[in-house]
N, C-alpha and C. Protein backbone atom coordinates (compact mmCIF):
# COMPACT_ATOMS: atom_id res chain seq x y z
N MET A 1 40.02 -61.87 98.03
CA MET A 1 38.93 -61.56 98.94
C MET A 1 37.60 -61.44 98.18
N SER A 2 37.67 -60.90 96.97
CA SER A 2 36.46 -60.72 96.18
C SER A 2 35.82 -62.07 95.83
N ILE A 3 36.65 -63.03 95.45
CA ILE A 3 36.12 -64.35 95.10
C ILE A 3 35.45 -64.97 96.32
N LEU A 4 36.03 -64.80 97.49
CA LEU A 4 35.45 -65.32 98.72
C LEU A 4 34.08 -64.69 99.00
N LEU A 5 33.99 -63.36 98.86
CA LEU A 5 32.72 -62.67 99.07
C LEU A 5 31.66 -63.12 98.07
N ILE A 6 32.06 -63.25 96.82
CA ILE A 6 31.13 -63.70 95.79
C ILE A 6 30.64 -65.12 96.09
N SER A 7 31.58 -65.99 96.46
CA SER A 7 31.21 -67.38 96.76
C SER A 7 30.27 -67.45 97.96
N LEU A 8 30.62 -66.76 99.03
CA LEU A 8 29.75 -66.75 100.22
C LEU A 8 28.38 -66.14 99.92
N GLY A 9 28.38 -65.08 99.11
CA GLY A 9 27.13 -64.45 98.72
C GLY A 9 26.23 -65.38 97.93
N PHE A 10 26.84 -66.11 97.01
CA PHE A 10 26.06 -67.06 96.21
C PHE A 10 25.51 -68.18 97.08
N ILE A 11 26.34 -68.68 97.99
CA ILE A 11 25.89 -69.73 98.91
C ILE A 11 24.72 -69.21 99.76
N CYS A 12 24.82 -67.97 100.22
CA CYS A 12 23.72 -67.39 101.00
C CYS A 12 22.43 -67.32 100.18
N CYS A 13 22.55 -66.96 98.92
CA CYS A 13 21.36 -66.89 98.06
C CYS A 13 20.74 -68.28 97.87
N ILE A 14 21.56 -69.28 97.69
CA ILE A 14 21.06 -70.65 97.54
C ILE A 14 20.40 -71.12 98.84
N VAL A 15 21.07 -70.87 99.97
CA VAL A 15 20.50 -71.24 101.27
C VAL A 15 19.19 -70.48 101.51
N GLY A 16 19.11 -69.25 101.03
CA GLY A 16 17.88 -68.48 101.16
C GLY A 16 16.72 -69.10 100.40
N ILE A 17 16.99 -69.62 99.23
CA ILE A 17 15.94 -70.29 98.46
C ILE A 17 15.50 -71.56 99.19
N ILE A 18 16.46 -72.32 99.69
CA ILE A 18 16.12 -73.53 100.45
C ILE A 18 15.36 -73.14 101.72
N GLY A 19 15.79 -72.08 102.36
CA GLY A 19 15.16 -71.62 103.59
C GLY A 19 13.74 -71.11 103.40
N SER A 20 13.38 -70.78 102.18
CA SER A 20 11.99 -70.36 101.96
C SER A 20 11.03 -71.54 102.12
N PHE A 21 11.56 -72.76 102.01
CA PHE A 21 10.74 -73.95 102.22
C PHE A 21 10.95 -74.58 103.60
N LEU A 22 12.12 -74.39 104.16
CA LEU A 22 12.43 -74.96 105.47
C LEU A 22 12.33 -73.86 106.53
N PRO A 23 11.33 -73.92 107.37
CA PRO A 23 11.12 -72.86 108.35
C PRO A 23 12.26 -72.69 109.36
N VAL A 24 13.14 -73.68 109.45
CA VAL A 24 14.25 -73.59 110.40
C VAL A 24 15.25 -72.53 109.94
N LEU A 25 15.40 -72.35 108.64
CA LEU A 25 16.34 -71.38 108.08
C LEU A 25 15.63 -70.07 107.77
N PRO A 26 16.23 -68.94 108.12
CA PRO A 26 15.63 -67.65 107.74
C PRO A 26 15.91 -67.38 106.27
N GLY A 27 15.02 -67.81 105.41
CA GLY A 27 15.26 -67.80 103.97
C GLY A 27 15.59 -66.45 103.37
N LEU A 28 14.67 -65.54 103.41
CA LEU A 28 14.86 -64.27 102.73
C LEU A 28 15.97 -63.42 103.36
N PRO A 29 16.06 -63.34 104.68
CA PRO A 29 17.19 -62.59 105.24
C PRO A 29 18.55 -63.16 104.81
N THR A 30 18.63 -64.47 104.67
CA THR A 30 19.88 -65.09 104.22
C THR A 30 20.17 -64.71 102.77
N SER A 31 19.14 -64.69 101.93
CA SER A 31 19.33 -64.26 100.54
C SER A 31 19.80 -62.81 100.47
N TRP A 32 19.23 -61.98 101.33
CA TRP A 32 19.61 -60.57 101.35
C TRP A 32 21.07 -60.42 101.77
N ILE A 33 21.51 -61.24 102.70
CA ILE A 33 22.92 -61.20 103.12
C ILE A 33 23.82 -61.53 101.93
N GLY A 34 23.35 -62.41 101.05
CA GLY A 34 24.10 -62.71 99.83
C GLY A 34 24.29 -61.47 98.97
N ILE A 35 23.23 -60.68 98.83
CA ILE A 35 23.33 -59.43 98.05
C ILE A 35 24.24 -58.44 98.78
N LEU A 36 24.13 -58.39 100.10
CA LEU A 36 24.98 -57.51 100.91
C LEU A 36 26.46 -57.86 100.72
N LEU A 37 26.77 -59.15 100.72
CA LEU A 37 28.16 -59.56 100.51
C LEU A 37 28.66 -59.14 99.14
N LEU A 38 27.80 -59.24 98.13
CA LEU A 38 28.18 -58.81 96.79
C LEU A 38 28.41 -57.30 96.74
N TYR A 39 27.68 -56.56 97.55
CA TYR A 39 27.83 -55.11 97.64
C TYR A 39 29.25 -54.73 98.04
N PHE A 40 29.89 -55.56 98.86
CA PHE A 40 31.23 -55.26 99.35
C PHE A 40 32.34 -55.69 98.40
N VAL A 41 31.97 -56.27 97.27
CA VAL A 41 32.96 -56.60 96.25
C VAL A 41 33.21 -55.33 95.43
N PRO A 42 34.44 -54.79 95.49
CA PRO A 42 34.69 -53.50 94.84
C PRO A 42 34.49 -53.50 93.32
N GLU A 43 34.69 -54.64 92.70
CA GLU A 43 34.57 -54.70 91.24
C GLU A 43 33.12 -54.77 90.76
N VAL A 44 32.20 -55.05 91.63
CA VAL A 44 30.80 -55.18 91.26
C VAL A 44 30.06 -53.94 91.76
N ASP A 45 29.33 -53.32 90.85
CA ASP A 45 28.64 -52.08 91.19
C ASP A 45 27.19 -52.36 91.60
N ILE A 46 26.95 -52.27 92.88
CA ILE A 46 25.58 -52.36 93.41
C ILE A 46 25.31 -51.06 94.13
N SER A 47 24.24 -50.40 93.75
CA SER A 47 23.93 -49.13 94.38
C SER A 47 23.37 -49.36 95.78
N SER A 48 23.56 -48.36 96.62
CA SER A 48 23.00 -48.45 97.97
C SER A 48 21.47 -48.43 97.91
N ASN A 49 20.92 -47.80 96.87
CA ASN A 49 19.45 -47.81 96.70
C ASN A 49 18.94 -49.23 96.53
N LEU A 50 19.61 -50.01 95.70
CA LEU A 50 19.21 -51.41 95.50
C LEU A 50 19.31 -52.18 96.81
N LEU A 51 20.36 -51.92 97.55
CA LEU A 51 20.54 -52.59 98.83
C LEU A 51 19.41 -52.25 99.80
N TRP A 52 19.05 -50.98 99.88
CA TRP A 52 17.97 -50.55 100.79
C TRP A 52 16.60 -51.05 100.33
N ILE A 53 16.37 -51.05 99.03
CA ILE A 53 15.09 -51.55 98.51
C ILE A 53 14.94 -53.04 98.81
N THR A 54 15.98 -53.80 98.53
CA THR A 54 15.90 -55.24 98.83
C THR A 54 15.80 -55.49 100.33
N PHE A 55 16.43 -54.65 101.14
CA PHE A 55 16.30 -54.79 102.59
C PHE A 55 14.86 -54.51 103.02
N GLY A 56 14.27 -53.47 102.46
CA GLY A 56 12.87 -53.15 102.78
C GLY A 56 11.93 -54.28 102.39
N ILE A 57 12.15 -54.84 101.22
CA ILE A 57 11.33 -55.97 100.77
C ILE A 57 11.51 -57.15 101.72
N THR A 58 12.74 -57.39 102.14
CA THR A 58 13.03 -58.49 103.06
C THR A 58 12.28 -58.31 104.38
N VAL A 59 12.31 -57.11 104.92
CA VAL A 59 11.63 -56.84 106.19
C VAL A 59 10.12 -57.03 106.05
N VAL A 60 9.56 -56.48 104.97
CA VAL A 60 8.10 -56.59 104.76
C VAL A 60 7.69 -58.05 104.60
N ILE A 61 8.40 -58.80 103.78
CA ILE A 61 8.06 -60.21 103.57
C ILE A 61 8.27 -61.01 104.85
N PHE A 62 9.31 -60.69 105.60
CA PHE A 62 9.57 -61.38 106.86
C PHE A 62 8.40 -61.18 107.84
N ILE A 63 7.88 -59.98 107.90
CA ILE A 63 6.72 -59.70 108.77
C ILE A 63 5.47 -60.39 108.23
N LEU A 64 5.27 -60.29 106.92
CA LEU A 64 4.10 -60.94 106.32
C LEU A 64 4.11 -62.44 106.49
N ASP A 65 5.30 -63.01 106.58
CA ASP A 65 5.44 -64.45 106.81
C ASP A 65 4.71 -64.89 108.07
N TYR A 66 4.65 -64.01 109.04
CA TYR A 66 3.97 -64.32 110.30
C TYR A 66 2.50 -63.90 110.28
N LEU A 67 2.18 -62.89 109.49
CA LEU A 67 0.81 -62.40 109.45
C LEU A 67 -0.10 -63.17 108.50
N ILE A 68 0.43 -63.64 107.39
CA ILE A 68 -0.41 -64.28 106.37
C ILE A 68 -1.14 -65.52 106.90
N PRO A 69 -0.50 -66.41 107.66
CA PRO A 69 -1.27 -67.54 108.19
C PRO A 69 -2.43 -67.10 109.10
N MET A 70 -2.21 -66.03 109.86
CA MET A 70 -3.29 -65.53 110.71
C MET A 70 -4.41 -64.91 109.87
N LEU A 71 -4.03 -64.23 108.79
CA LEU A 71 -5.04 -63.66 107.90
C LEU A 71 -5.80 -64.76 107.16
N GLY A 72 -5.13 -65.87 106.91
CA GLY A 72 -5.80 -67.02 106.28
C GLY A 72 -6.91 -67.56 107.17
N VAL A 73 -6.68 -67.57 108.48
CA VAL A 73 -7.72 -67.99 109.43
C VAL A 73 -8.94 -67.08 109.29
N LYS A 74 -8.69 -65.80 109.26
CA LYS A 74 -9.79 -64.82 109.16
C LYS A 74 -10.55 -64.99 107.84
N LYS A 75 -9.81 -65.19 106.78
CA LYS A 75 -10.42 -65.32 105.45
C LYS A 75 -11.32 -66.56 105.36
N PHE A 76 -10.98 -67.62 106.08
CA PHE A 76 -11.74 -68.86 106.04
C PHE A 76 -12.78 -68.93 107.16
N GLY A 77 -13.16 -67.77 107.68
CA GLY A 77 -14.27 -67.73 108.64
C GLY A 77 -13.89 -67.85 110.09
N GLY A 78 -12.62 -67.73 110.41
CA GLY A 78 -12.20 -67.82 111.79
C GLY A 78 -12.40 -66.50 112.52
N SER A 79 -12.33 -66.57 113.82
CA SER A 79 -12.48 -65.38 114.65
C SER A 79 -11.10 -64.85 115.04
N LYS A 80 -11.11 -63.80 115.84
CA LYS A 80 -9.84 -63.26 116.31
C LYS A 80 -9.12 -64.29 117.20
N TYR A 81 -9.88 -65.14 117.85
CA TYR A 81 -9.26 -66.18 118.68
C TYR A 81 -8.48 -67.17 117.82
N GLY A 82 -9.03 -67.52 116.68
CA GLY A 82 -8.33 -68.40 115.76
C GLY A 82 -7.07 -67.75 115.21
N MET A 83 -7.14 -66.44 114.94
CA MET A 83 -5.96 -65.72 114.48
C MET A 83 -4.87 -65.73 115.55
N TYR A 84 -5.27 -65.47 116.79
CA TYR A 84 -4.30 -65.49 117.89
C TYR A 84 -3.74 -66.89 118.08
N GLY A 85 -4.61 -67.88 118.01
CA GLY A 85 -4.17 -69.27 118.15
C GLY A 85 -3.16 -69.66 117.08
N ALA A 86 -3.42 -69.23 115.83
CA ALA A 86 -2.49 -69.51 114.74
C ALA A 86 -1.15 -68.81 114.98
N GLY A 87 -1.22 -67.57 115.46
CA GLY A 87 0.01 -66.82 115.74
C GLY A 87 0.82 -67.47 116.85
N ILE A 88 0.15 -67.86 117.92
CA ILE A 88 0.84 -68.53 119.03
C ILE A 88 1.40 -69.87 118.57
N GLY A 89 0.62 -70.61 117.78
CA GLY A 89 1.09 -71.88 117.25
C GLY A 89 2.31 -71.71 116.36
N LEU A 90 2.34 -70.63 115.59
CA LEU A 90 3.48 -70.36 114.72
C LEU A 90 4.74 -70.09 115.54
N VAL A 91 4.61 -69.29 116.58
CA VAL A 91 5.76 -68.99 117.43
C VAL A 91 6.24 -70.25 118.14
N VAL A 92 5.31 -71.02 118.69
CA VAL A 92 5.69 -72.27 119.36
C VAL A 92 6.33 -73.23 118.35
N GLY A 93 5.77 -73.29 117.15
CA GLY A 93 6.30 -74.18 116.11
C GLY A 93 7.71 -73.84 115.68
N ILE A 94 8.05 -72.56 115.73
CA ILE A 94 9.40 -72.14 115.35
C ILE A 94 10.43 -72.69 116.34
N PHE A 95 10.06 -72.68 117.62
CA PHE A 95 11.01 -73.08 118.66
C PHE A 95 10.92 -74.56 119.04
N ALA A 96 9.94 -75.26 118.55
CA ALA A 96 9.81 -76.69 118.87
C ALA A 96 10.87 -77.47 118.09
N PRO A 97 11.51 -78.44 118.72
CA PRO A 97 12.58 -79.18 118.05
C PRO A 97 12.10 -80.26 117.09
N ILE A 98 10.80 -80.37 116.89
CA ILE A 98 10.24 -81.42 116.05
C ILE A 98 10.10 -80.89 114.62
N PRO A 99 10.48 -81.65 113.59
CA PRO A 99 10.34 -81.18 112.21
C PRO A 99 8.87 -80.91 111.83
N LEU A 100 8.68 -79.95 110.97
CA LEU A 100 7.38 -79.56 110.41
C LEU A 100 6.40 -78.98 111.43
N THR A 101 6.87 -78.62 112.62
CA THR A 101 5.95 -78.04 113.60
C THR A 101 5.45 -76.67 113.17
N VAL A 102 6.23 -75.97 112.35
CA VAL A 102 5.78 -74.67 111.86
C VAL A 102 4.56 -74.83 110.96
N LEU A 103 4.41 -75.98 110.36
CA LEU A 103 3.24 -76.27 109.55
C LEU A 103 2.05 -76.71 110.41
N VAL A 104 2.33 -77.53 111.39
CA VAL A 104 1.26 -78.16 112.16
C VAL A 104 0.75 -77.27 113.30
N PHE A 105 1.65 -76.61 114.01
CA PHE A 105 1.25 -75.87 115.21
C PHE A 105 0.31 -74.69 114.93
N PRO A 106 0.51 -73.90 113.86
CA PRO A 106 -0.47 -72.84 113.60
C PRO A 106 -1.86 -73.42 113.31
N PHE A 107 -1.88 -74.53 112.59
CA PHE A 107 -3.14 -75.21 112.30
C PHE A 107 -3.81 -75.64 113.60
N LEU A 108 -3.05 -76.32 114.47
CA LEU A 108 -3.59 -76.77 115.76
C LEU A 108 -3.97 -75.60 116.66
N GLY A 109 -3.14 -74.56 116.66
CA GLY A 109 -3.44 -73.39 117.48
C GLY A 109 -4.75 -72.73 117.08
N ALA A 110 -4.96 -72.58 115.78
CA ALA A 110 -6.21 -71.99 115.30
C ALA A 110 -7.40 -72.90 115.62
N TYR A 111 -7.22 -74.18 115.40
CA TYR A 111 -8.30 -75.13 115.63
C TYR A 111 -8.71 -75.16 117.11
N ILE A 112 -7.74 -75.28 117.99
CA ILE A 112 -8.03 -75.35 119.43
C ILE A 112 -8.62 -74.03 119.93
N ALA A 113 -8.07 -72.92 119.48
CA ALA A 113 -8.59 -71.62 119.92
C ALA A 113 -10.04 -71.43 119.48
N GLU A 114 -10.35 -71.84 118.26
CA GLU A 114 -11.73 -71.70 117.79
C GLU A 114 -12.67 -72.60 118.58
N LEU A 115 -12.24 -73.80 118.88
CA LEU A 115 -13.08 -74.72 119.66
C LEU A 115 -13.30 -74.21 121.08
N VAL A 116 -12.26 -73.77 121.72
CA VAL A 116 -12.33 -73.41 123.13
C VAL A 116 -12.93 -72.03 123.36
N PHE A 117 -12.44 -71.03 122.63
CA PHE A 117 -12.81 -69.66 122.95
C PHE A 117 -14.02 -69.14 122.18
N SER A 118 -14.15 -69.52 120.92
CA SER A 118 -15.30 -69.00 120.17
C SER A 118 -16.42 -70.01 120.07
N LYS A 119 -16.23 -71.17 120.69
CA LYS A 119 -17.28 -72.20 120.79
C LYS A 119 -17.81 -72.63 119.41
N MET A 120 -16.92 -72.70 118.44
CA MET A 120 -17.32 -73.15 117.10
C MET A 120 -17.50 -74.66 117.11
N GLU A 121 -18.27 -75.12 116.15
CA GLU A 121 -18.36 -76.56 115.93
C GLU A 121 -17.05 -77.02 115.30
N SER A 122 -16.78 -78.29 115.45
CA SER A 122 -15.52 -78.84 114.98
C SER A 122 -15.29 -78.59 113.49
N LYS A 123 -16.32 -78.73 112.69
CA LYS A 123 -16.19 -78.57 111.24
C LYS A 123 -15.82 -77.12 110.88
N GLN A 124 -16.47 -76.18 111.53
CA GLN A 124 -16.19 -74.77 111.26
C GLN A 124 -14.78 -74.39 111.77
N ALA A 125 -14.39 -74.93 112.92
CA ALA A 125 -13.06 -74.67 113.46
C ALA A 125 -11.99 -75.28 112.55
N LEU A 126 -12.29 -76.42 112.00
CA LEU A 126 -11.36 -77.08 111.08
C LEU A 126 -11.18 -76.24 109.81
N ARG A 127 -12.26 -75.65 109.35
CA ARG A 127 -12.19 -74.79 108.16
C ARG A 127 -11.31 -73.57 108.43
N ALA A 128 -11.48 -72.96 109.60
CA ALA A 128 -10.66 -71.81 109.97
C ALA A 128 -9.19 -72.21 110.09
N ALA A 129 -8.93 -73.36 110.67
CA ALA A 129 -7.56 -73.85 110.81
C ALA A 129 -6.95 -74.15 109.44
N PHE A 130 -7.77 -74.63 108.52
CA PHE A 130 -7.31 -74.87 107.16
C PHE A 130 -6.85 -73.56 106.52
N GLY A 131 -7.52 -72.48 106.88
CA GLY A 131 -7.11 -71.15 106.40
C GLY A 131 -5.69 -70.81 106.84
N SER A 132 -5.34 -71.24 108.04
CA SER A 132 -3.97 -71.04 108.52
C SER A 132 -2.98 -71.79 107.64
N PHE A 133 -3.31 -73.01 107.28
CA PHE A 133 -2.44 -73.83 106.43
C PHE A 133 -2.29 -73.19 105.04
N ILE A 134 -3.39 -72.74 104.48
CA ILE A 134 -3.36 -72.08 103.17
C ILE A 134 -2.51 -70.80 103.25
N GLY A 135 -2.69 -70.06 104.35
CA GLY A 135 -1.89 -68.85 104.55
C GLY A 135 -0.40 -69.16 104.62
N PHE A 136 -0.06 -70.25 105.30
CA PHE A 136 1.33 -70.66 105.39
C PHE A 136 1.88 -70.99 104.00
N LEU A 137 1.11 -71.72 103.21
CA LEU A 137 1.56 -72.05 101.85
C LEU A 137 1.73 -70.80 101.00
N ALA A 138 0.81 -69.85 101.15
CA ALA A 138 0.90 -68.60 100.39
C ALA A 138 2.14 -67.81 100.79
N SER A 139 2.41 -67.72 102.08
CA SER A 139 3.59 -66.96 102.51
C SER A 139 4.88 -67.66 102.08
N THR A 140 4.89 -68.98 102.07
CA THR A 140 6.06 -69.73 101.61
C THR A 140 6.29 -69.47 100.13
N PHE A 141 5.22 -69.45 99.34
CA PHE A 141 5.34 -69.19 97.91
C PHE A 141 5.90 -67.79 97.65
N VAL A 142 5.38 -66.80 98.37
CA VAL A 142 5.85 -65.42 98.19
C VAL A 142 7.33 -65.32 98.56
N GLU A 143 7.71 -65.94 99.67
CA GLU A 143 9.11 -65.89 100.09
C GLU A 143 10.01 -66.58 99.05
N PHE A 144 9.56 -67.68 98.49
CA PHE A 144 10.34 -68.38 97.46
C PHE A 144 10.53 -67.50 96.23
N ILE A 145 9.47 -66.84 95.78
CA ILE A 145 9.56 -65.99 94.59
C ILE A 145 10.53 -64.84 94.82
N VAL A 146 10.46 -64.22 95.99
CA VAL A 146 11.36 -63.10 96.27
C VAL A 146 12.80 -63.60 96.42
N ALA A 147 13.02 -64.74 97.05
CA ALA A 147 14.38 -65.30 97.17
C ALA A 147 14.93 -65.63 95.78
N LEU A 148 14.07 -66.11 94.91
CA LEU A 148 14.48 -66.38 93.53
C LEU A 148 14.86 -65.07 92.82
N ALA A 149 14.07 -64.03 93.05
CA ALA A 149 14.38 -62.72 92.46
C ALA A 149 15.72 -62.20 92.97
N PHE A 150 16.02 -62.45 94.25
CA PHE A 150 17.29 -61.98 94.81
C PHE A 150 18.48 -62.70 94.17
N ILE A 151 18.36 -63.99 93.91
CA ILE A 151 19.48 -64.69 93.27
C ILE A 151 19.62 -64.26 91.81
N ILE A 152 18.51 -63.91 91.18
CA ILE A 152 18.57 -63.39 89.81
C ILE A 152 19.29 -62.04 89.81
N ILE A 153 18.97 -61.18 90.77
CA ILE A 153 19.67 -59.89 90.90
C ILE A 153 21.16 -60.14 91.13
N PHE A 154 21.47 -61.06 92.01
CA PHE A 154 22.86 -61.40 92.32
C PHE A 154 23.59 -61.80 91.03
N CYS A 155 23.02 -62.74 90.29
CA CYS A 155 23.65 -63.23 89.06
C CYS A 155 23.72 -62.15 87.99
N TYR A 156 22.69 -61.33 87.88
CA TYR A 156 22.68 -60.24 86.90
C TYR A 156 23.82 -59.26 87.16
N LYS A 157 24.00 -58.92 88.42
CA LYS A 157 25.09 -57.99 88.78
C LYS A 157 26.45 -58.61 88.48
N LEU A 158 26.58 -59.90 88.68
CA LEU A 158 27.84 -60.57 88.34
C LEU A 158 28.07 -60.60 86.83
N ILE A 159 27.02 -60.89 86.09
CA ILE A 159 27.13 -60.95 84.63
C ILE A 159 27.46 -59.57 84.06
N GLN A 160 26.91 -58.53 84.68
CA GLN A 160 27.21 -57.15 84.25
C GLN A 160 28.71 -56.87 84.32
N TYR A 161 29.34 -57.44 85.28
CA TYR A 161 30.76 -57.20 85.48
C TYR A 161 31.57 -58.48 85.26
N ARG A 162 31.22 -59.20 84.20
CA ARG A 162 31.86 -60.48 83.92
C ARG A 162 33.34 -60.33 83.58
N GLU A 163 33.75 -59.14 83.13
CA GLU A 163 35.17 -58.97 82.81
C GLU A 163 36.02 -59.13 84.08
N PHE A 164 35.41 -58.88 85.23
CA PHE A 164 36.11 -59.11 86.49
C PHE A 164 36.35 -60.61 86.71
N LEU A 165 35.36 -61.40 86.31
CA LEU A 165 35.44 -62.84 86.56
C LEU A 165 36.35 -63.56 85.58
N PHE A 166 36.47 -63.02 84.37
CA PHE A 166 37.24 -63.75 83.34
C PHE A 166 38.51 -63.05 82.99
């Protein structure tokens, strides 16, 4: 049973890293499930503190994943309408069956909202929408780094108890 949990946990960590780039997969939560599975292996010592800390980090990053593109709009001169448009575009992009919509829809949402509601010129609205794209890239990078840290924790805990494996 332990080998099965370790194998599934490792697969979850790998899928989590891939999921940090593919918006269809919940990257960081999947990586955390990998650590959770390792927690249930009796031969491997993972403290509940580590489990709760990594869970807290997962929740914070998961929330920031949705906020950072909207904050990117604001940083690049967008209004609250552009932030709302990016947020709505992100939600619509998650559920749209077309690939890469999570990348395109927040951009379009911010752009259209700035044009329609704040009456910006096209160039200024485009700049604000670009902020959404930059925010998305930033949040993807952060999620990737944390997912990488989770697999390093996973492997470190396994190496600590290598006598179990060999």
